[in-house]
Amino acid sequence: MSELSIKTIYSHWINGAAVEWNGETIPVHNPATGESISTVARGTARDVDAAVKSARLAFENPKWTRLTGVQRGKLLLKFARLIEENLKPLSV
C-alpha cells in the first residue's frame, strides 16, 4: 500500500471558482510504481474549453503583459516559495 492515499475528490477550479462536477472520475497512478494512489474528477470538453479561455484571458491581461521579465520572475519565484511552504495541504 502506498504511503499517499487521497480520499477526497475535488471538482475542477476554473476562472477562480469550483465548477460543477459530473461525478465521473479517473485513476491517478504513481509513475514510479504504477500503483493507483487516488482518483480525480474527470473533466469534460466544456471544462477544457472554459479553462483554456480563462487562461488565455489571464495571459492577455495587461497587468501581466506589461510586467518586465524581471518582475514576472520575482512573482513566479514568490509563487514557487508559497507552493513549497504549503506543499502538504496542496498535495491532498
Protein backbone atom coordinates (compact mmCIF):
# COMPACT_ATOMS: atom_id res chain seq x y z
CA MET A 1 0.00 0.00 0.00
CA SER A 2 1.24 3.45 -0.87
CA GLU A 3 2.13 5.98 1.83
CA LEU A 4 -0.01 8.51 -0.01
CA SER A 5 -3.71 7.91 -0.26
CA ILE A 6 -6.02 10.74 -1.22
CA LYS A 7 -9.65 10.20 -0.29
CA THR A 8 -11.37 13.49 -1.13
CA ILE A 9 -12.25 14.23 -4.74
CA TYR A 10 -12.39 17.91 -5.58
CA SER A 11 -14.03 19.49 -8.59
CA HIS A 12 -12.00 21.50 -11.08
CA TRP A 13 -11.06 25.09 -10.32
CA ILE A 14 -11.57 27.29 -13.38
CA ASN A 15 -11.52 31.07 -13.55
CA GLY A 16 -11.34 31.43 -9.79
CA ALA A 17 -14.24 29.14 -8.93
CA ALA A 18 -15.06 25.48 -8.44
CA VAL A 19 -17.05 24.12 -11.37
CA GLU A 20 -19.90 21.68 -11.15
CA TRP A 21 -18.62 18.11 -11.32
CA ASN A 22 -20.37 15.39 -13.31
CA GLY A 23 -19.38 12.66 -10.82
CA GLU A 24 -17.04 10.81 -13.20
CA THR A 25 -13.50 10.03 -12.04
CA ILE A 26 -10.22 8.82 -13.46
CA PRO A 27 -7.45 6.99 -11.58
CA VAL A 28 -4.12 8.56 -10.65
CA HIS A 29 -1.09 6.27 -10.67
CA ASN A 30 2.32 6.62 -9.08
CA PRO A 31 4.57 6.83 -12.15
CA ALA A 32 7.42 5.10 -10.33
CA THR A 33 5.43 2.04 -9.30
CA GLY A 34 2.27 2.08 -11.41
CA GLU A 35 0.28 1.77 -8.18
CA SER A 36 -3.10 3.50 -8.08
CA ILE A 37 -2.91 6.23 -5.41
CA SER A 38 -6.10 8.20 -5.95
CA THR A 39 -8.93 9.16 -8.22
CA VAL A 40 -9.64 12.64 -9.54
CA ALA A 41 -12.59 14.39 -11.11
CA ARG A 42 -12.84 13.73 -14.82
CA GLY A 43 -13.17 16.92 -16.82
CA THR A 44 -15.37 17.36 -19.84
CA ALA A 45 -14.66 19.07 -23.15
CA ARG A 46 -16.62 22.03 -21.80
CA ASP A 47 -14.30 22.15 -18.75
CA VAL A 48 -11.25 22.17 -21.02
CA ASP A 49 -12.70 24.93 -23.20
CA ALA A 50 -13.53 27.06 -20.15
CA ALA A 51 -10.06 26.53 -18.65
CA VAL A 52 -8.29 27.42 -21.91
CA LYS A 53 -10.45 30.53 -22.36
CA SER A 54 -9.77 31.62 -18.77
CA ALA A 55 -6.04 31.01 -19.15
CA ARG A 56 -5.94 32.99 -22.40
CA LEU A 57 -7.75 35.96 -20.80
CA ALA A 58 -5.42 35.86 -17.81
CA PHE A 59 -2.36 35.66 -20.05
CA GLU A 60 -3.52 38.61 -22.14
CA ASN A 61 -4.36 40.71 -19.07
CA PRO A 62 -2.36 43.97 -19.22
CA LYS A 63 -1.42 43.53 -15.56
CA TRP A 64 0.72 40.58 -16.66
CA THR A 65 1.76 41.58 -20.16
CA ARG A 66 3.10 44.96 -19.01
CA LEU A 67 5.42 43.41 -16.42
CA THR A 68 9.09 43.14 -17.29
CA GLY A 69 10.77 39.75 -17.35
CA VAL A 70 12.43 40.53 -14.02
CA GLN A 71 9.08 41.42 -12.43
CA ARG A 72 7.49 38.25 -13.77
CA GLY A 73 10.41 36.22 -12.48
CA LYS A 74 10.06 37.69 -8.99
CA LEU A 75 6.35 36.88 -8.95
CA LEU A 76 6.95 33.32 -10.12
CA LEU A 77 9.66 32.79 -7.50
CA LYS A 78 7.29 34.08 -4.81
CA PHE A 79 4.63 31.71 -6.09
CA ALA A 80 7.11 28.82 -6.00
CA ARG A 81 8.03 29.65 -2.39
CA LEU A 82 4.35 29.69 -1.43
CA ILE A 83 3.87 26.29 -3.04
CA GLU A 84 6.86 24.87 -1.17
CA GLU A 85 5.63 26.34 2.14
CA ASN A 86 2.19 24.78 1.61
CA LEU A 87 3.20 21.58 -0.12
CA LYS A 88 1.41 19.18 2.22
CA PRO A 89 -2.04 20.85 2.11
CA LEU A 90 -1.74 21.38 -1.64
CA SER A 91 -0.88 17.74 -2.30
CA VAL A 92 -4.07 16.31 -0.84
